[in-house]
PDB file of N, CA and C in Angstrom:
ATOM      1  N   MET A   1     179.514 230.339-115.594  1.00  0.00           N
ATOM      2  CA  MET A   1     177.925 229.560-115.946  1.00  0.00           C
ATOM      3  C   MET A   1     177.480 228.836-114.212  1.00  0.00           C
ATOM      4  N   ASP A   2     178.790 228.529-113.535  1.00  0.00           N
ATOM      5  CA  ASP A   2     178.929 227.855-112.629  1.00  0.00           C
ATOM      6  C   ASP A   2     178.139 228.764-111.219  1.00  0.00           C
ATOM      7  N   GLY A   3     178.516 230.203-111.813  1.00  0.00           N
ATOM      8  CA  GLY A   3     178.078 230.977-110.371  1.00  0.00           C
ATOM      9  C   GLY A   3     176.597 231.027-110.844  1.00  0.00           C
ATOM     10  N   LEU A   4     175.808 231.255-112.021  1.00  0.00           N
ATOM     11  CA  LEU A   4     175.006 231.223-112.408  1.00  0.00           C
ATOM     12  C   LEU A   4     173.920 229.977-112.185  1.00  0.00           C
ATOM     13  N   ILE A   5     174.394 228.982-111.836  1.00  0.00           N
ATOM     14  CA  ILE A   5     173.188 227.422-111.961  1.00  0.00           C
ATOM     15  C   ILE A   5     173.314 227.585-110.255  1.00  0.00           C
ATOM     16  N   SER A   6     174.439 228.062-109.589  1.00  0.00           N
ATOM     17  CA  SER A   6     174.389 228.002-107.781  1.00  0.00           C
ATOM     18  C   SER A   6     173.769 229.365-107.272  1.00  0.00           C
ATOM     19  N   LEU A   7     173.498 230.557-108.160  1.00  0.00           N
ATOM     20  CA  LEU A   7     172.320 231.192-107.676  1.00  0.00           C
ATOM     21  C   LEU A   7     170.927 231.261-107.739  1.00  0.00           C
ATOM     22  N   LEU A   8     170.944 230.091-109.621  1.00  0.00           N
ATOM     23  CA  LEU A   8     169.120 229.822-108.542  1.00  0.00           C
ATOM     24  C   LEU A   8     169.076 228.668-108.033  1.00  0.00           C
ATOM     25  N   LEU A   9     169.913 227.589-108.398  1.00  0.00           N
ATOM     26  CA  LEU A   9     169.812 226.229-106.689  1.00  0.00           C
ATOM     27  C   LEU A   9     169.935 227.446-105.435  1.00  0.00           C
ATOM     28  N   PHE A  10     170.423 228.334-105.096  1.00  0.00           N
ATOM     29  CA  PHE A  10     170.864 228.651-103.513  1.00  0.00           C
ATOM     30  C   PHE A  10     168.421 229.166-103.721  1.00  0.00           C
ATOM     31  N   ALA A  11     168.597 230.573-104.802  1.00  0.00           N
ATOM     32  CA  ALA A  11     167.694 230.686-104.878  1.00  0.00           C
ATOM     33  C   ALA A  11     166.139 230.380-105.155  1.00  0.00           C
ATOM     34  N   GLY A  12     166.333 229.111-105.430  1.00  0.00           N
ATOM     35  CA  GLY A  12     165.007 227.481-105.412  1.00  0.00           C
ATOM     36  C   GLY A  12     164.669 227.382-104.086  1.00  0.00           C
ATOM     37  N   LEU A  13     165.988 226.751-103.426  1.00  0.00           N
ATOM     38  CA  LEU A  13     166.696 226.231-102.192  1.00  0.00           C
ATOM     39  C   LEU A  13     165.555 227.420-100.877  1.00  0.00           C
ATOM     40  N   PHE A  14     165.605 228.713-101.439  1.00  0.00           N
ATOM     41  CA  PHE A  14     165.297 229.758-100.292  1.00  0.00           C
ATOM     42  C   PHE A  14     163.973 230.101-100.519  1.00  0.00           C
ATOM     43  N   TYR A  15     163.576 229.927-101.620  1.00  0.00           N
ATOM     44  CA  TYR A  15     162.168 230.347-101.988  1.00  0.00           C
ATOM     45  C   TYR A  15     161.351 228.733-101.460  1.00  0.00           C
ATOM     46  N   LEU A  16     161.706 227.703-101.581  1.00  0.00           N
ATOM     47  CA  LEU A  16     161.273 226.281-101.027  1.00  0.00           C
ATOM     48  C   LEU A  16     160.812 226.912 -99.239  1.00  0.00           C
ATOM     49  N   MET A  17     161.676 226.864 -98.904  1.00  0.00           N
ATOM     50  CA  MET A  17     162.144 226.938 -97.183  1.00  0.00           C
ATOM     51  C   MET A  17     160.726 228.650 -96.799  1.00  0.00           C
ATOM     52  N   MET A  18     160.896 229.651 -97.765  1.00  0.00           N
ATOM     53  CA  MET A  18     159.962 230.530 -97.326  1.00  0.00           C
ATOM     54  C   MET A  18     158.968 230.119 -97.631  1.00  0.00           C
ATOM     55  N   ARG A  19     158.501 229.570 -98.176  1.00  0.00           N
ATOM     56  CA  ARG A  19     157.335 229.099 -98.876  1.00  0.00           C
ATOM     57  C   ARG A  19     156.548 227.625 -98.265  1.00  0.00           C
ATOM     58  N   PHE A  20     157.299 227.083 -97.868  1.00  0.00           N
ATOM     59  CA  PHE A  20     156.761 225.968 -97.317  1.00  0.00           C
ATOM     60  C   PHE A  20     157.425 225.131 -96.070  1.00  0.00           C
ATOM     61  N   GLY A  21     159.096 225.845 -95.639  1.00  0.00           N
ATOM     62  CA  GLY A  21     159.310 225.180 -94.536  1.00  0.00           C
ATOM     63  C   GLY A  21     159.841 226.015 -93.439  1.00  0.00           C
ATOM     64  N   CYS A  22     160.853 226.137 -92.913  1.00  0.00           N
ATOM     65  CA  CYS A  22     161.066 227.348 -91.534  1.00  0.00           C
ATOM     66  C   CYS A  22     160.548 228.450 -91.357  1.00  0.00           C
ATOM     67  N   GLY A  23     160.255 229.270 -92.340  1.00  0.00           N
ATOM     68  CA  GLY A  23     160.082 230.469 -92.872  1.00  0.00           C
ATOM     69  C   GLY A  23     158.916 231.070 -93.136  1.00  0.00           C
ATOM     70  N   ALA A  24     157.776 229.640 -93.465  1.00  0.00           N
ATOM     71  CA  ALA A  24     156.650 229.798 -93.846  1.00  0.00           C
ATOM     72  C   ALA A  24     155.708 230.742 -92.939  1.00  0.00           C
ATOM     73  N   HIS A  25     155.800 230.978 -91.133  1.00  0.00           N
ATOM     74  CA  HIS A  25     155.063 231.079 -90.402  1.00  0.00           C
ATOM     75  C   HIS A  25     155.297 232.411 -90.269  1.00  0.00           C
ATOM     76  N   MET A  26     156.514 233.192 -91.524  1.00  0.00           N
ATOM     77  CA  MET A  26     156.671 234.910 -91.382  1.00  0.00           C
ATOM     78  C   MET A  26     155.867 234.841 -92.558  1.00  0.00           C
ATOM     79  N   ILE A  27     155.307 234.885 -93.202  1.00  0.00           N
ATOM     80  CA  ILE A  27     155.197 234.537 -94.929  1.00  0.00           C
ATOM     81  C   ILE A  27     153.454 234.771 -94.297  1.00  0.00           C
ATOM     82  N   HIS A  28     152.905 233.736 -93.847  1.00  0.00           N
ATOM     83  CA  HIS A  28     151.383 233.616 -93.262  1.00  0.00           C
ATOM     84  C   HIS A  28     151.047 234.025 -92.005  1.00  0.00           C
ATOM     85  N   GLY A  29     152.129 234.409 -91.409  1.00  0.00           N
ATOM     86  CA  GLY A  29     151.497 234.755 -89.717  1.00  0.00           C
ATOM     87  C   GLY A  29     151.278 234.033 -89.063  1.00  0.00           C
ATOM     88  N   HIS A  30     151.624 233.038 -88.910  1.00  0.00           N
ATOM     89  CA  HIS A  30     151.835 231.858 -87.948  1.00  0.00           C
ATOM     90  C   HIS A  30     152.523 232.369 -87.199  1.00  0.00           C
ATOM     91  N   HIS A  31     152.592 232.344 -85.666  1.00  0.00           N
ATOM     92  CA  HIS A  31     153.633 232.868 -84.772  1.00  0.00           C
ATOM     93  C   HIS A  31     153.127 232.027 -83.534  1.00  0.00           C
ATOM     94  N   HIS A  32     153.974 231.624 -83.064  1.00  0.00           N
ATOM     95  CA  HIS A  32     154.271 230.914 -81.794  1.00  0.00           C
ATOM     96  C   HIS A  32     153.789 231.658 -80.758  1.00  0.00           C
ATOM     97  N   GLY A  33     152.677 230.824 -79.819  1.00  0.00           N
ATOM     98  CA  GLY A  33     151.785 231.204 -78.728  1.00  0.00           C
ATOM     99  C   GLY A  33     151.189 232.718 -79.324  1.00  0.00           C
ATOM    100  N   HIS A  34     150.742 232.559 -80.729  1.00  0.00           N
ATOM    101  CA  HIS A  34     149.186 233.834 -80.915  1.00  0.00           C
ATOM    102  C   HIS A  34     148.424 232.160 -81.469  1.00  0.00           C
ATOM    103  N   GLY A  35     148.584 231.131 -80.820  1.00  0.00           N
ATOM    104  CA  GLY A  35     147.406 230.122 -81.444  1.00  0.00           C
ATOM    105  C   GLY A  35     145.624 230.402 -81.593  1.00  0.00           C
ATOM    106  N   HIS A  36     144.729 229.594 -80.999  1.00  0.00           N
ATOM    107  CA  HIS A  36     143.736 230.101 -81.120  1.00  0.00           C
ATOM    108  C   HIS A  36     143.311 229.499 -79.078  1.00  0.00           C
ATOM    109  N   GLU A  37     143.879 229.490 -78.549  1.00  0.00           N
ATOM    110  CA  GLU A  37     144.145 229.474 -77.254  1.00  0.00           C
ATOM    111  C   GLU A  37     144.070 230.708 -76.452  1.00  0.00           C
ATOM    112  N   SER A  38     145.601 231.715 -77.426  1.00  0.00           N
ATOM    113  CA  SER A  38     145.304 233.126 -76.441  1.00  0.00           C
ATOM    114  C   SER A  38     144.947 233.565 -77.763  1.00  0.00           C
ATOM    115  N   HIS A  39     143.715 233.710 -78.248  1.00  0.00           N
ATOM    116  CA  HIS A  39     142.850 234.850 -78.797  1.00  0.00           C
ATOM    117  C   HIS A  39     141.648 234.885 -77.548  1.00  0.00           C
ATOM    118  N   GLN A  40     141.825 233.514 -76.970  1.00  0.00           N
ATOM    119  CA  GLN A  40     140.067 233.503 -75.948  1.00  0.00           C
ATOM    120  C   GLN A  40     140.624 234.325 -74.996  1.00  0.00           C
ATOM    121  N   ARG A  41     142.375 234.837 -74.395  1.00  0.00           N
ATOM    122  CA  ARG A  41     142.509 235.398 -73.310  1.00  0.00           C
ATOM    123  C   ARG A  41     142.433 236.240 -73.480  1.00  0.00           C
ATOM    124  N   THR A  42     142.304 237.320 -74.701  1.00  0.00           N
ATOM    125  CA  THR A  42     142.712 238.794 -75.003  1.00  0.00           C
ATOM    126  C   THR A  42     141.713 239.616 -74.454  1.00  0.00           C
ATOM    127  N   LYS A  43     142.475 240.817 -74.075  1.00  0.00           N
ATOM    128  CA  LYS A  43     141.425 241.335 -73.170  1.00  0.00           C
ATOM    129  C   LYS A  43     140.989 242.529 -74.872  1.00  0.00           C
ATOM    130  N   THR A  44     139.135 242.261 -74.400  1.00  0.00           N
ATOM    131  CA  THR A  44     138.545 243.328 -75.302  1.00  0.00           C
ATOM    132  C   THR A  44     138.262 245.003 -74.283  1.00  0.00           C
ATOM    133  N   HIS A  45     138.162 245.676 -75.354  1.00  0.00           N
ATOM    134  CA  HIS A  45     138.081 247.259 -74.311  1.00  0.00           C
ATOM    135  C   HIS A  45     136.108 247.576 -75.175  1.00  0.00           C
ATOM    136  N   LYS A  46     135.854 248.458 -74.697  1.00  0.00           N
ATOM    137  CA  LYS A  46     134.826 248.881 -74.391  1.00  0.00           C
ATOM    138  C   LYS A  46     135.025 250.320 -75.752  1.00  0.00           C
ATOM    139  N   ASP A  47     133.563 250.422 -75.908  1.00  0.00           N
ATOM    140  CA  ASP A  47     133.823 251.457 -77.205  1.00  0.00           C
ATOM    141  C   ASP A  47     132.817 252.415 -76.186  1.00  0.00           C
ATOM    142  N   PRO A  48     133.636 253.665 -76.330  1.00  0.00           N
ATOM    143  CA  PRO A  48     132.825 254.940 -75.566  1.00  0.00           C
ATOM    144  C   PRO A  48     131.584 255.339 -75.821  1.00  0.00           C
ATOM    145  N   VAL A  49     131.166 255.081 -77.149  1.00  0.00           N
ATOM    146  CA  VAL A  49     129.772 255.806 -77.840  1.00  0.00           C
ATOM    147  C   VAL A  49     128.896 254.684 -77.363  1.00  0.00           C
ATOM    148  N   CYS A  50     129.017 254.085 -77.906  1.00  0.00           N
ATOM    149  CA  CYS A  50     127.561 252.369 -77.643  1.00  0.00           C
ATOM    150  C   CYS A  50     127.670 251.683 -76.848  1.00  0.00           C
ATOM    151  N   GLY A  51     129.061 251.576 -76.326  1.00  0.00           N
ATOM    152  CA  GLY A  51     129.192 250.752 -74.773  1.00  0.00           C
ATOM    153  C   GLY A  51     129.662 249.083 -75.331  1.00  0.00           C
ATOM    154  N   MET A  52     129.483 248.626 -76.758  1.00  0.00           N
ATOM    155  CA  MET A  52     130.063 247.024 -77.572  1.00  0.00           C
ATOM    156  C   MET A  52     131.134 246.840 -77.253  1.00  0.00           C
ATOM    157  N   GLU A  53     131.413 245.778 -76.465  1.00  0.00           N
ATOM    158  CA  GLU A  53     132.568 245.057 -76.722  1.00  0.00           C
ATOM    159  C   GLU A  53     133.384 245.290 -77.802  1.00  0.00           C
ATOM    160  N   VAL A  54     134.949 245.745 -77.863  1.00  0.00           N
ATOM    161  CA  VAL A  54     135.633 245.864 -79.013  1.00  0.00           C
ATOM    162  C   VAL A  54     136.557 244.858 -78.572  1.00  0.00           C
ATOM    163  N   ALA A  55     137.385 244.453 -80.295  1.00  0.00           N
ATOM    164  CA  ALA A  55     139.024 243.105 -79.655  1.00  0.00           C
ATOM    165  C   ALA A  55     139.163 244.198 -79.990  1.00  0.00           C
ATOM    166  N   PRO A  56     140.987 243.983 -79.798  1.00  0.00           N
ATOM    167  CA  PRO A  56     141.902 244.388 -80.152  1.00  0.00           C
ATOM    168  C   PRO A  56     142.033 244.631 -81.704  1.00  0.00           C
ATOM    169  N   ASP A  57     142.378 243.345 -82.438  1.00  0.00           N
ATOM    170  CA  ASP A  57     142.346 243.449 -83.813  1.00  0.00           C
ATOM    171  C   ASP A  57     141.345 243.728 -84.387  1.00  0.00           C
ATOM    172  N   GLN A  58     140.410 244.614 -84.507  1.00  0.00           N
ATOM    173  CA  GLN A  58     138.926 244.171 -84.770  1.00  0.00           C
ATOM    174  C   GLN A  58     138.426 246.002 -84.445  1.00  0.00           C
ATOM    175  N   GLY A  59     137.774 246.445 -85.525  1.00  0.00           N
ATOM    176  CA  GLY A  59     137.306 247.888 -85.190  1.00  0.00           C
ATOM    177  C   GLY A  59     138.209 249.085 -85.420  1.00  0.00           C
ATOM    178  N   TYR A  60     137.991 250.161 -85.584  1.00  0.00           N
ATOM    179  CA  TYR A  60     138.936 250.973 -85.022  1.00  0.00           C
ATOM    180  C   TYR A  60     139.376 251.879 -83.952  1.00  0.00           C
ATOM    181  N   GLY A  61     140.682 252.338 -83.673  1.00  0.00           N
ATOM    182  CA  GLY A  61     141.604 252.988 -82.496  1.00  0.00           C
ATOM    183  C   GLY A  61     141.919 254.504 -82.921  1.00  0.00           C
ATOM    184  N   LYS A  62     141.696 255.080 -81.783  1.00  0.00           N
ATOM    185  CA  LYS A  62     142.198 256.924 -82.066  1.00  0.00           C
ATOM    186  C   LYS A  62     142.527 256.845 -80.374  1.00  0.00           C
ATOM    187  N   VAL A  63     143.893 257.598 -80.613  1.00  0.00           N
ATOM    188  CA  VAL A  63     144.083 258.286 -79.735  1.00  0.00           C
ATOM    189  C   VAL A  63     143.953 259.835 -79.578  1.00  0.00           C
ATOM    190  N   HIS A  64     143.329 259.611 -78.116  1.00  0.00           N
ATOM    191  CA  HIS A  64     142.761 261.010 -77.261  1.00  0.00           C
ATOM    192  C   HIS A  64     143.621 261.466 -76.669  1.00  0.00           C
ATOM    193  N   ASN A  65     144.259 262.809 -75.977  1.00  0.00           N
ATOM    194  CA  ASN A  65     145.051 263.283 -75.149  1.00  0.00           C
ATOM    195  C   ASN A  65     145.774 261.726 -75.048  1.00  0.00           C
ATOM    196  N   GLY A  66     146.263 261.236 -75.336  1.00  0.00           N
ATOM    197  CA  GLY A  66     147.403 260.310 -75.043  1.00  0.00           C
ATOM    198  C   GLY A  66     147.501 258.904 -74.612  1.00  0.00           C
ATOM    199  N   GLN A  67     145.300 258.588 -75.166  1.00  0.00           N
ATOM    200  CA  GLN A  67     145.327 257.803 -74.911  1.00  0.00           C
ATOM    201  C   GLN A  67     144.325 256.664 -75.632  1.00  0.00           C
ATOM    202  N   LYS A  68     144.475 255.727 -76.038  1.00  0.00           N
ATOM    203  CA  LYS A  68     144.314 254.517 -76.699  1.00  0.00           C
ATOM    204  C   LYS A  68     142.404 254.603 -76.518  1.00  0.00           C
ATOM    205  N   PHE A  69     141.727 254.966 -78.063  1.00  0.00           N
ATOM    206  CA  PHE A  69     139.866 253.866 -77.560  1.00  0.00           C
ATOM    207  C   PHE A  69     139.800 253.194 -78.878  1.00  0.00           C
ATOM    208  N   HIS A  70     138.989 251.881 -78.399  1.00  0.00           N
ATOM    209  CA  HIS A  70     138.849 251.353 -79.548  1.00  0.00           C
ATOM    210  C   HIS A  70     137.282 251.383 -80.094  1.00  0.00           C
ATOM    211  N   PHE A  71     137.019 251.511 -81.021  1.00  0.00           N
ATOM    212  CA  PHE A  71     135.371 252.067 -81.452  1.00  0.00           C
ATOM    213  C   PHE A  71     134.971 251.033 -82.835  1.00  0.00           C
ATOM    214  N   CYS A  72     133.408 250.104 -82.368  1.00  0.00           N
ATOM    215  CA  CYS A  72     133.190 249.221 -82.956  1.00  0.00           C
ATOM    216  C   CYS A  72     133.050 249.269 -84.597  1.00  0.00           C
ATOM    217  N   SER A  73     132.745 250.837 -84.789  1.00  0.00           N
ATOM    218  CA  SER A  73     132.372 250.945 -86.555  1.00  0.00           C
ATOM    219  C   SER A  73     132.914 252.452 -86.465  1.00  0.00           C
ATOM    220  N   ARG A  74     132.632 252.693 -88.069  1.00  0.00           N
ATOM    221  CA  ARG A  74     132.913 253.831 -88.451  1.00  0.00           C
ATOM    222  C   ARG A  74     132.042 255.049 -87.838  1.00  0.00           C
ATOM    223  N   ALA A  75     130.834 254.581 -87.814  1.00  0.00           N
ATOM    224  CA  ALA A  75     130.089 255.385 -87.310  1.00  0.00           C
ATOM    225  C   ALA A  75     130.024 256.064 -86.088  1.00  0.00           C
ATOM    226  N   CYS A  76     130.544 255.280 -85.253  1.00  0.00           N
ATOM    227  CA  CYS A  76     130.864 255.596 -83.562  1.00  0.00           C
ATOM    228  C   CYS A  76     132.260 256.595 -83.491  1.00  0.00           C
ATOM    229  N   LEU A  77     133.042 256.100 -84.517  1.00  0.00           N
ATOM    230  CA  LEU A  77     134.718 256.829 -84.160  1.00  0.00           C
ATOM    231  C   LEU A  77     134.083 257.793 -84.557  1.00  0.00           C
ATOM    232  N   ASP A  78     133.069 258.347 -85.825  1.00  0.00           N
ATOM    233  CA  ASP A  78     132.794 259.637 -86.104  1.00  0.00           C
ATOM    234  C   ASP A  78     131.859 260.557 -85.299  1.00  0.00           C
ATOM    235  N   LYS A  79     130.856 260.124 -84.386  1.00  0.00           N
ATOM    236  CA  LYS A  79     130.112 260.728 -83.375  1.00  0.00           C
ATOM    237  C   LYS A  79     131.608 260.907 -82.323  1.00  0.00           C
ATOM    238  N   PHE A  80     132.206 260.704 -81.819  1.00  0.00           N
ATOM    239  CA  PHE A  80     133.477 260.424 -80.799  1.00  0.00           C
ATOM    240  C   PHE A  80     134.060 261.761 -81.446  1.00  0.00           C
ATOM    241  N   ASP A  81     134.691 261.920 -83.029  1.00  0.00           N
ATOM    242  CA  ASP A  81     135.496 263.037 -83.237  1.00  0.00           C
ATOM    243  C   ASP A  81     134.776 264.095 -82.930  1.00  0.00           C
ATOM    244  N   ALA A  82     133.423 264.166 -83.089  1.00  0.00           N
ATOM    245  CA  ALA A  82     132.469 265.267 -83.419  1.00  0.00           C
ATOM    246  C   ALA A  82     132.071 265.924 -81.747  1.00  0.00           C
ATOM    247  N   ASP A  83     132.574 265.374 -81.072  1.00  0.00           N
ATOM    248  CA  ASP A  83     132.410 265.925 -79.945  1.00  0.00           C
ATOM    249  C   ASP A  83     132.650 264.826 -78.239  1.00  0.00           C
ATOM    250  N   PRO A  84     134.106 264.936 -78.242  1.00  0.00           N
ATOM    251  CA  PRO A  84     134.751 263.715 -77.620  1.00  0.00           C
ATOM    252  C   PRO A  84     134.432 263.694 -75.403  1.00  0.00           C
ATOM    253  N   GLU A  85     134.359 264.524 -75.578  1.00  0.00           N
ATOM    254  CA  GLU A  85     134.121 265.338 -74.228  1.00  0.00           C
ATOM    255  C   GLU A  85     132.636 264.937 -73.726  1.00  0.00           C
ATOM    256  N   ARG A  86     132.075 264.644 -74.676  1.00  0.00           N
ATOM    257  CA  ARG A  86     130.788 264.326 -74.635  1.00  0.00           C
ATOM    258  C   ARG A  86     130.644 262.631 -74.190  1.00  0.00           C
ATOM    259  N   TYR A  87     131.360 261.845 -74.502  1.00  0.00           N
ATOM    260  CA  TYR A  87     131.474 260.397 -74.580  1.00  0.00           C
ATOM    261  C   TYR A  87     132.448 260.268 -73.440  1.00  0.00           C
ATOM    262  N   LEU A  88     133.552 261.223 -73.026  1.00  0.00           N
ATOM    263  CA  LEU A  88     134.170 260.944 -71.987  1.00  0.00           C
ATOM    264  C   LEU A  88     134.040 260.970 -70.352  1.00  0.00           C
ATOM    265  N   ASP A  89     132.665 261.846 -70.819  1.00  0.00           N
ATOM    266  CA  ASP A  89     132.370 262.734 -69.628  1.00  0.00           C
ATOM    267  C   ASP A  89     131.346 261.798 -69.468  1.00  0.00           C
ATOM    268  N   ARG A  90     130.674 261.149 -69.745  1.00  0.00           N
ATOM    269  CA  ARG A  90     129.213 260.302 -69.936  1.00  0.00           C
ATOM    270  C   ARG A  90     130.086 258.511 -69.693  1.00  0.00           C
ATOM    271  N   LYS A  91     131.196 258.115 -70.087  1.00  0.00           N
ATOM    272  CA  LYS A  91     131.367 256.923 -69.876  1.00  0.00           C
ATOM    273  C   LYS A  91     133.058 256.616 -68.884  1.00  0.00           C
ATOM    274  N   GLY A  92     133.669 257.809 -69.022  1.00  0.00           N
ATOM    275  CA  GLY A  92     134.597 258.150 -67.983  1.00  0.00           C
ATOM    276  C   GLY A  92     135.518 257.703 -68.759  1.00  0.00           C
ATOM    277  N   GLU A  93     136.845 257.922 -68.420  1.00  0.00           N
ATOM    278  CA  GLU A  93     137.892 257.578 -69.313  1.00  0.00           C
ATOM    279  C   GLU A  93     138.021 256.237 -69.556  1.00  0.00           C
ATOM    280  N   GLN A  94     138.472 255.459 -70.402  1.00  0.00           N
ATOM    281  CA  GLN A  94     138.314 254.029 -70.507  1.00  0.00           C
ATOM    282  C   GLN A  94     139.641 254.022 -70.085  1.00  0.00           C
ATOM    283  N   SER A  95     140.118 252.601 -69.587  1.00  0.00           N
ATOM    284  CA  SER A  95     141.662 252.152 -69.684  1.00  0.00           C
ATOM    285  C   SER A  95     142.155 251.250 -70.198  1.00  0.00           C
TER     286      SER A  95
END
């Protein structure tokens, strides 16, 4: 019975630490160095189809010939998939 009480006590403390304590950043995605200030400095990518600026964490991504391209919408991704060389020739390869 003592083992069961110890296990439940440990499990309860572990839950509280993960939910509200030092492990909360792992569950909720709040990491040091990734605050609002660092998002302002993130590099945006240009959609090769429409030319719109796309943040790295938004839109759609596609790897073509070993290079990743970012798209603002599924429609632009579908246009690129239909004829990728058309957009690479017109816009140049994205860096």
